[in-house]
């Protein structure tokens, strides 16, 4: 059984996008690493763990409350 080119290309692009999302790395950095023949590295950007999101919503154990931005 042979694999045709289009499904194989979709699989490769999907793998790159998944790696980029899971490792918090820009897609261009992943592609740059792969073009050099190196394994892509994890991103330097740590996830935001402050508890306050973009909309100013703080999530606590009891639920969420809205805070005014200043």
PDB file of N, CA and C in Angstrom:
ATOM      1  N   UNK A   1       0.845  -1.167   0.000  1.00  0.00           N
ATOM      2  CA  UNK A   1       0.000   0.000   0.000  1.00  0.00           C
ATOM      3  C   UNK A   1       0.896   1.237   0.000  1.00  0.00           C
ATOM      4  N   UNK A   2       0.662   2.118  -0.914  1.00  0.00           N
ATOM      5  CA  UNK A   2       1.476   3.322  -1.055  1.00  0.00           C
ATOM      6  C   UNK A   2       0.709   4.535  -0.524  1.00  0.00           C
ATOM      7  N   UNK A   3       1.434   5.452   0.045  1.00  0.00           N
ATOM      8  CA  UNK A   3       0.834   6.704   0.497  1.00  0.00           C
ATOM      9  C   UNK A   3       0.940   7.729  -0.622  1.00  0.00           C
ATOM     10  N   UNK A   4      -0.165   8.408  -0.889  1.00  0.00           N
ATOM     11  CA  UNK A   4      -0.102   9.460  -1.889  1.00  0.00           C
ATOM     12  C   UNK A   4       0.455  10.732  -1.258  1.00  0.00           C
ATOM     13  N   UNK A   5       0.865  11.675  -2.070  1.00  0.00           N
ATOM     14  CA  UNK A   5       1.563  12.859  -1.598  1.00  0.00           C
ATOM     15  C   UNK A   5       0.719  13.816  -0.789  1.00  0.00           C
ATOM     16  N   UNK A   6      -0.520  14.032  -1.185  1.00  0.00           N
ATOM     17  CA  UNK A   6      -1.348  15.029  -0.508  1.00  0.00           C
ATOM     18  C   UNK A   6      -1.670  14.652   0.942  1.00  0.00           C
ATOM     19  N   UNK A   7      -2.128  13.442   1.232  1.00  0.00           N
ATOM     20  CA  UNK A   7      -2.347  13.107   2.648  1.00  0.00           C
ATOM     21  C   UNK A   7      -1.066  13.138   3.475  1.00  0.00           C
ATOM     22  N   UNK A   8       0.041  12.787   2.868  1.00  0.00           N
ATOM     23  CA  UNK A   8       1.318  12.837   3.576  1.00  0.00           C
ATOM     24  C   UNK A   8       1.713  14.285   3.880  1.00  0.00           C
ATOM     25  N   UNK A   9       1.443  15.194   2.947  1.00  0.00           N
ATOM     26  CA  UNK A   9       1.718  16.614   3.176  1.00  0.00           C
ATOM     27  C   UNK A   9       0.825  17.168   4.287  1.00  0.00           C
ATOM     28  N   UNK A  10      -0.450  16.774   4.282  1.00  0.00           N
ATOM     29  CA  UNK A  10      -1.363  17.202   5.354  1.00  0.00           C
ATOM     30  C   UNK A  10      -0.878  16.704   6.712  1.00  0.00           C
ATOM     31  N   UNK A  11      -0.394  15.494   6.754  1.00  0.00           N
ATOM     32  CA  UNK A  11       0.119  14.926   7.996  1.00  0.00           C
ATOM     33  C   UNK A  11       1.343  15.704   8.487  1.00  0.00           C
ATOM     34  N   UNK A  12       2.235  16.060   7.589  1.00  0.00           N
ATOM     35  CA  UNK A  12       3.432  16.811   7.962  1.00  0.00           C
ATOM     36  C   UNK A  12       3.070  18.208   8.468  1.00  0.00           C
ATOM     37  N   UNK A  13       2.179  18.897   7.764  1.00  0.00           N
ATOM     38  CA  UNK A  13       1.769  20.244   8.185  1.00  0.00           C
ATOM     39  C   UNK A  13       1.048  20.182   9.529  1.00  0.00           C
ATOM     40  N   UNK A  14       0.196  19.191   9.709  1.00  0.00           N
ATOM     41  CA  UNK A  14      -0.501  19.028  10.986  1.00  0.00           C
ATOM     42  C   UNK A  14       0.466  18.766  12.128  1.00  0.00           C
ATOM     43  N   UNK A  15       1.472  17.966  11.879  1.00  0.00           N
ATOM     44  CA  UNK A  15       2.472  17.690  12.906  1.00  0.00           C
ATOM     45  C   UNK A  15       3.251  18.938  13.296  1.00  0.00           C
ATOM     46  N   UNK A  16       3.579  19.757  12.308  1.00  0.00           N
ATOM     47  CA  UNK A  16       4.296  21.008  12.587  1.00  0.00           C
ATOM     48  C   UNK A  16       3.423  21.950  13.405  1.00  0.00           C
ATOM     49  N   UNK A  17       2.149  22.065  13.043  1.00  0.00           N
ATOM     50  CA  UNK A  17       1.244  22.950  13.773  1.00  0.00           C
ATOM     51  C   UNK A  17       1.006  22.463  15.198  1.00  0.00           C
ATOM     52  N   UNK A  18       0.874  21.165  15.380  1.00  0.00           N
ATOM     53  CA  UNK A  18       0.681  20.605  16.726  1.00  0.00           C
ATOM     54  C   UNK A  18       1.926  20.846  17.576  1.00  0.00           C
ATOM     55  N   UNK A  19       3.105  20.586  17.009  1.00  0.00           N
ATOM     56  CA  UNK A  19       4.350  20.810  17.754  1.00  0.00           C
ATOM     57  C   UNK A  19       4.457  22.277  18.158  1.00  0.00           C
ATOM     58  N   UNK A  20       4.157  23.174  17.226  1.00  0.00           N
ATOM     59  CA  UNK A  20       4.233  24.600  17.510  1.00  0.00           C
ATOM     60  C   UNK A  20       3.297  24.991  18.644  1.00  0.00           C
ATOM     61  N   UNK A  21       2.095  24.456  18.660  1.00  0.00           N
ATOM     62  CA  UNK A  21       1.138  24.788  19.706  1.00  0.00           C
ATOM     63  C   UNK A  21       1.487  24.198  21.049  1.00  0.00           C
ATOM     64  N   UNK A  22       1.917  22.949  21.065  1.00  0.00           N
ATOM     65  CA  UNK A  22       2.220  22.272  22.326  1.00  0.00           C
ATOM     66  C   UNK A  22       3.480  22.844  22.971  1.00  0.00           C
ATOM     67  N   UNK A  23       4.488  23.124  22.169  1.00  0.00           N
ATOM     68  CA  UNK A  23       5.761  23.608  22.702  1.00  0.00           C
ATOM     69  C   UNK A  23       5.837  25.130  22.775  1.00  0.00           C
ATOM     70  N   UNK A  24       4.768  25.826  22.423  1.00  0.00           N
ATOM     71  CA  UNK A  24       4.703  27.288  22.488  1.00  0.00           C
ATOM     72  C   UNK A  24       5.841  27.931  21.703  1.00  0.00           C
ATOM     73  N   UNK A  25       6.025  27.466  20.458  1.00  0.00           N
ATOM     74  CA  UNK A  25       7.072  27.934  19.572  1.00  0.00           C
ATOM     75  C   UNK A  25       6.432  28.473  18.299  1.00  0.00           C
ATOM     76  N   UNK A  26       6.894  29.607  17.784  1.00  0.00           N
ATOM     77  CA  UNK A  26       6.352  30.090  16.508  1.00  0.00           C
ATOM     78  C   UNK A  26       6.588  29.088  15.378  1.00  0.00           C
ATOM     79  N   UNK A  27       5.650  29.014  14.465  1.00  0.00           N
ATOM     80  CA  UNK A  27       5.735  28.055  13.358  1.00  0.00           C
ATOM     81  C   UNK A  27       6.994  28.311  12.535  1.00  0.00           C
ATOM     82  N   UNK A  28       7.357  29.568  12.345  1.00  0.00           N
ATOM     83  CA  UNK A  28       8.557  29.871  11.554  1.00  0.00           C
ATOM     84  C   UNK A  28       9.814  29.318  12.213  1.00  0.00           C
ATOM     85  N   UNK A  29       9.887  29.342  13.538  1.00  0.00           N
ATOM     86  CA  UNK A  29      11.046  28.774  14.222  1.00  0.00           C
ATOM     87  C   UNK A  29      11.105  27.256  14.049  1.00  0.00           C
ATOM     88  N   UNK A  30       9.944  26.615  14.080  1.00  0.00           N
ATOM     89  CA  UNK A  30       9.898  25.162  13.872  1.00  0.00           C
ATOM     90  C   UNK A  30      10.373  24.834  12.465  1.00  0.00           C
ATOM     91  N   UNK A  31       9.865  25.564  11.463  1.00  0.00           N
ATOM     92  CA  UNK A  31      10.268  25.312  10.082  1.00  0.00           C
ATOM     93  C   UNK A  31      11.747  25.604   9.867  1.00  0.00           C
ATOM     94  N   UNK A  32      12.258  26.652  10.507  1.00  0.00           N
ATOM     95  CA  UNK A  32      13.677  26.994  10.390  1.00  0.00           C
ATOM     96  C   UNK A  32      14.539  25.868  10.969  1.00  0.00           C
ATOM     97  N   UNK A  33      14.151  25.332  12.114  1.00  0.00           N
ATOM     98  CA  UNK A  33      14.918  24.233  12.726  1.00  0.00           C
ATOM     99  C   UNK A  33      14.885  22.984  11.856  1.00  0.00           C
ATOM    100  N   UNK A  34      13.712  22.668  11.328  1.00  0.00           N
ATOM    101  CA  UNK A  34      13.589  21.480  10.483  1.00  0.00           C
ATOM    102  C   UNK A  34      14.377  21.624   9.188  1.00  0.00           C
ATOM    103  N   UNK A  35      14.429  22.837   8.623  1.00  0.00           N
ATOM    104  CA  UNK A  35      15.180  23.031   7.378  1.00  0.00           C
ATOM    105  C   UNK A  35      16.684  22.893   7.601  1.00  0.00           C
ATOM    106  N   UNK A  36      17.150  23.139   8.832  1.00  0.00           N
ATOM    107  CA  UNK A  36      18.560  22.942   9.172  1.00  0.00           C
ATOM    108  C   UNK A  36      18.872  21.502   9.555  1.00  0.00           C
ATOM    109  N   UNK A  37      17.850  20.665   9.645  1.00  0.00           N
ATOM    110  CA  UNK A  37      18.056  19.275  10.015  1.00  0.00           C
ATOM    111  C   UNK A  37      18.136  19.056  11.510  1.00  0.00           C
ATOM    112  N   UNK A  38      17.645  20.014  12.296  1.00  0.00           N
ATOM    113  CA  UNK A  38      17.686  19.911  13.749  1.00  0.00           C
ATOM    114  C   UNK A  38      16.282  19.679  14.289  1.00  0.00           C
ATOM    115  N   UNK A  39      16.215  19.082  15.456  1.00  0.00           N
ATOM    116  CA  UNK A  39      14.921  18.919  16.123  1.00  0.00           C
ATOM    117  C   UNK A  39      14.469  20.266  16.655  1.00  0.00           C
ATOM    118  N   UNK A  40      13.196  20.619  16.493  1.00  0.00           N
ATOM    119  CA  UNK A  40      12.712  21.899  17.018  1.00  0.00           C
ATOM    120  C   UNK A  40      12.801  21.941  18.531  1.00  0.00           C
ATOM    121  N   UNK A  41      13.155  23.099  19.049  1.00  0.00           N
ATOM    122  CA  UNK A  41      13.279  23.281  20.490  1.00  0.00           C
ATOM    123  C   UNK A  41      11.995  23.882  21.050  1.00  0.00           C
ATOM    124  N   UNK A  42      11.816  23.737  22.333  1.00  0.00           N
ATOM    125  CA  UNK A  42      10.658  24.340  23.001  1.00  0.00           C
ATOM    126  C   UNK A  42      10.835  25.850  23.027  1.00  0.00           C
ATOM    127  N   UNK A  43       9.727  26.558  23.052  1.00  0.00           N
ATOM    128  CA  UNK A  43       9.756  28.011  23.009  1.00  0.00           C
ATOM    129  C   UNK A  43      10.279  28.639  24.286  1.00  0.00           C
ATOM    130  N   UNK A  44      10.823  29.841  24.178  1.00  0.00           N
ATOM    131  CA  UNK A  44      11.350  30.522  25.348  1.00  0.00           C
ATOM    132  C   UNK A  44      10.288  31.251  26.149  1.00  0.00           C
ATOM    133  N   UNK A  45       9.069  31.234  25.671  1.00  0.00           N
ATOM    134  CA  UNK A  45       8.003  32.004  26.302  1.00  0.00           C
ATOM    135  C   UNK A  45       7.241  31.129  27.289  1.00  0.00           C
ATOM    136  N   UNK A  46       7.369  31.395  28.587  1.00  0.00           N
ATOM    137  CA  UNK A  46       6.595  30.594  29.543  1.00  0.00           C
ATOM    138  C   UNK A  46       5.120  30.967  29.462  1.00  0.00           C
ATOM    139  N   UNK A  47       4.245  30.045  29.735  1.00  0.00           N
ATOM    140  CA  UNK A  47       2.821  30.371  29.715  1.00  0.00           C
ATOM    141  C   UNK A  47       2.467  31.354  30.832  1.00  0.00           C
ATOM    142  N   UNK A  48       1.422  32.123  30.607  1.00  0.00           N
ATOM    143  CA  UNK A  48       0.976  33.114  31.597  1.00  0.00           C
ATOM    144  C   UNK A  48       0.288  32.389  32.744  1.00  0.00           C
ATOM    145  N   UNK A  49       0.907  32.400  33.904  1.00  0.00           N
ATOM    146  CA  UNK A  49       0.335  31.722  35.073  1.00  0.00           C
ATOM    147  C   UNK A  49      -0.073  32.710  36.144  1.00  0.00           C
ATOM    148  N   UNK A  50      -0.234  33.975  35.769  1.00  0.00           N
ATOM    149  CA  UNK A  50      -0.553  34.989  36.766  1.00  0.00           C
ATOM    150  C   UNK A  50      -2.005  34.893  37.247  1.00  0.00           C
ATOM    151  N   UNK A  51      -2.872  34.245  36.483  1.00  0.00           N
ATOM    152  CA  UNK A  51      -4.271  34.113  36.879  1.00  0.00           C
ATOM    153  C   UNK A  51      -5.157  35.177  36.275  1.00  0.00           C
ATOM    154  N   UNK A  52      -4.571  36.217  35.694  1.00  0.00           N
ATOM    155  CA  UNK A  52      -5.356  37.271  35.065  1.00  0.00           C
ATOM    156  C   UNK A  52      -5.198  37.139  33.561  1.00  0.00           C
ATOM    157  N   UNK A  53      -6.302  36.978  32.871  1.00  0.00           N
ATOM    158  CA  UNK A  53      -6.278  36.835  31.435  1.00  0.00           C
ATOM    159  C   UNK A  53      -6.285  38.169  30.718  1.00  0.00           C
ATOM    160  N   UNK A  54      -6.435  38.134  29.419  1.00  0.00           N
ATOM    161  CA  UNK A  54      -6.418  39.333  28.592  1.00  0.00           C
ATOM    162  C   UNK A  54      -7.583  40.260  28.909  1.00  0.00           C
ATOM    163  N   UNK A  55      -8.719  39.726  29.292  1.00  0.00           N
ATOM    164  CA  UNK A  55      -9.904  40.544  29.535  1.00  0.00           C
ATOM    165  C   UNK A  55      -9.986  41.038  30.971  1.00  0.00           C
ATOM    166  N   UNK A  56      -8.982  40.771  31.777  1.00  0.00           N
ATOM    167  CA  UNK A  56      -9.006  41.218  33.159  1.00  0.00           C
ATOM    168  C   UNK A  56      -9.852  40.320  34.047  1.00  0.00           C
ATOM    169  N   UNK A  57      -9.974  39.060  33.693  1.00  0.00           N
ATOM    170  CA  UNK A  57     -10.773  38.118  34.463  1.00  0.00           C
ATOM    171  C   UNK A  57      -9.832  37.286  35.331  1.00  0.00           C
ATOM    172  N   UNK A  58     -10.083  37.287  36.620  1.00  0.00           N
ATOM    173  CA  UNK A  58      -9.296  36.482  37.538  1.00  0.00           C
ATOM    174  C   UNK A  58     -10.061  35.202  37.839  1.00  0.00           C
ATOM    175  N   UNK A  59      -9.396  34.077  37.679  1.00  0.00           N
ATOM    176  CA  UNK A  59     -10.028  32.781  37.925  1.00  0.00           C
ATOM    177  C   UNK A  59      -9.541  32.270  39.269  1.00  0.00           C
ATOM    178  N   UNK A  60     -10.486  31.990  40.159  1.00  0.00           N
ATOM    179  CA  UNK A  60     -10.159  31.460  41.481  1.00  0.00           C
ATOM    180  C   UNK A  60     -10.818  30.103  41.644  1.00  0.00           C
ATOM    181  N   UNK A  61     -10.636  29.511  42.794  1.00  0.00           N
ATOM    182  CA  UNK A  61     -11.236  28.215  43.044  1.00  0.00           C
ATOM    183  C   UNK A  61     -12.748  28.269  43.098  1.00  0.00           C
ATOM    184  N   UNK A  62     -13.304  29.406  43.482  1.00  0.00           N
ATOM    185  CA  UNK A  62     -14.749  29.526  43.622  1.00  0.00           C
ATOM    186  C   UNK A  62     -15.440  29.974  42.338  1.00  0.00           C
ATOM    187  N   UNK A  63     -14.689  30.448  41.356  1.00  0.00           N
ATOM    188  CA  UNK A  63     -15.276  30.929  40.112  1.00  0.00           C
ATOM    189  C   UNK A  63     -14.459  32.070  39.550  1.00  0.00           C
ATOM    190  N   UNK A  64     -15.093  32.916  38.760  1.00  0.00           N
ATOM    191  CA  UNK A  64     -14.384  34.009  38.113  1.00  0.00           C
ATOM    192  C   UNK A  64     -15.001  35.335  38.515  1.00  0.00           C
ATOM    193  N   UNK A  65     -14.187  36.336  38.627  1.00  0.00           N
ATOM    194  CA  UNK A  65     -14.671  37.671  38.918  1.00  0.00           C
ATOM    195  C   UNK A  65     -14.039  38.661  37.960  1.00  0.00           C
ATOM    196  N   UNK A  66     -14.738  39.690  37.596  1.00  0.00           N
ATOM    197  CA  UNK A  66     -14.207  40.690  36.667  1.00  0.00           C
ATOM    198  C   UNK A  66     -13.556  41.818  37.447  1.00  0.00           C
ATOM    199  N   UNK A  67     -12.355  42.224  37.016  1.00  0.00           N
ATOM    200  CA  UNK A  67     -11.643  43.312  37.648  1.00  0.00           C
ATOM    201  C   UNK A  67     -11.481  44.444  36.655  1.00  0.00           C
ATOM    202  N   UNK A  68     -11.550  45.677  37.153  1.00  0.00           N
ATOM    203  CA  UNK A  68     -11.356  46.841  36.287  1.00  0.00           C
ATOM    204  C   UNK A  68      -9.879  46.989  35.957  1.00  0.00           C
ATOM    205  N   UNK A  69      -9.585  47.292  34.698  1.00  0.00           N
ATOM    206  CA  UNK A  69      -8.189  47.537  34.291  1.00  0.00           C
ATOM    207  C   UNK A  69      -7.838  48.978  34.573  1.00  0.00           C
ATOM    208  N   UNK A  70      -6.645  49.181  35.087  1.00  0.00           N
ATOM    209  CA  UNK A  70      -6.198  50.550  35.382  1.00  0.00           C
ATOM    210  C   UNK A  70      -4.877  50.802  34.723  1.00  0.00           C
TER     211      UNK A  70
END
